Amino acid sequence: MIEVQNLSKHYGDKRAVDNISFRAEDGEILGFLGPNGAGKSTTMNILTGYISATDGRALIDGIDILEEPIKAKQKIGYLPELPPLYLDMTVKEYLKFVYDIKKCKLPRNTHLKDICSLVKIEHVYDRVIKNLSKGYKQRVGLAQALVGNPNVLILDEPTVGLDPKQIIEIRTLIKKLGRNHTVILSSHILSEVQAVCDKIVVISEGKIVANDTEDNLSKRLSADHKLSVRIDGSKEKVAAMLESIRDVESVNIGAHHGNNVYDYKVESREGSDIRRELFSRCADRGFPILEMRSSELSLEDIFLKLTMGESIETDGGDN
């Protein structure tokens, strides 16, 4: 588990990170998002013990990274954006080197073999790292993070520069790792976070502006009381029927799609859900519903909306 409590980092008068709190539970993949300059990298550097915080605490499995750095770091596997590889070593030499400097106690040959099998680099085990493709170098970087079987994995932009096939393979691997590790995934690729992460934390201008699942964020930010409906039926009768539904405040007729098919923008009282009533009335009157959707936002919409000034509180109060 990773827990950040009221964390702040000041550089002179500038607050790079401003009193943030969040938590990643065991077996959870947390996506950490933020625009450039938001404080994301600073937070990652504090979590890995690279820099210290001005105020607050970062706990790795209950161990304070500042008070007991060696003990805490033993529980962390870290993959920076640029993997820390020694290019003139073979993969085998490099992983044995990492094993030694981490003072790993697991059976060396068996442990390294299991890691190589997991990240699918067995067939390049004896090759010099500089001769590997970027995708395989990334896999070797992930392998070094797994040496010692740490409880926590912190991955910074793990798929940058990879081709589409390699991206899918690394994402699949991260999801697999999430079954047995707590993972923080920092990424600018919103589709990646969407595909892999269980929960999303968004940081902007040093503050947490969202901390929840993608579905919950979409529901909180979207105007669920606004529907777009495509109905086949007499325009005047359909509009009158929609206006007669309890809690409907306005109906606007939109695009015409031939014959009696029109789009309708239906806005109801905030907090209400008229979908079942709308369906029932259309069915009773023989007006087929060809399409109905609410105005839920994509992750990209959510990210842009949040980083432009709208914060979302969570029920758990983690942000």
Foldseek 3Di string as FASTA:
>chain_A
DKWWAQFWADDVPATLAGGAIFDFDQLFEEEEEEDPSLNRVVVVCCQQLVDHTPDTFMAQVRHTCVVDVLVRNLQEQEAAPQQPDDQQAQLQVGLVVLLVVSVAPPDPVVLLVVLCVLLVNVVRRGPGNNPDDPLVVLSSSVSSSCRNNHQEYEYEASCPPHDPVSLVSVLVSLQVVSRRHGYYYYHPDLVSCVSHGQWYWYGASNYTQDTGGLVVLLVVPFQQQKKKWKKADAPVVLLVVLVPQPQWDDKDWADDDDHRITIIIIGGHGPDDCVVVSVVVCVVVVIDTPDMDGGGDDSVVSNVVRNVPHGDADPVRRD
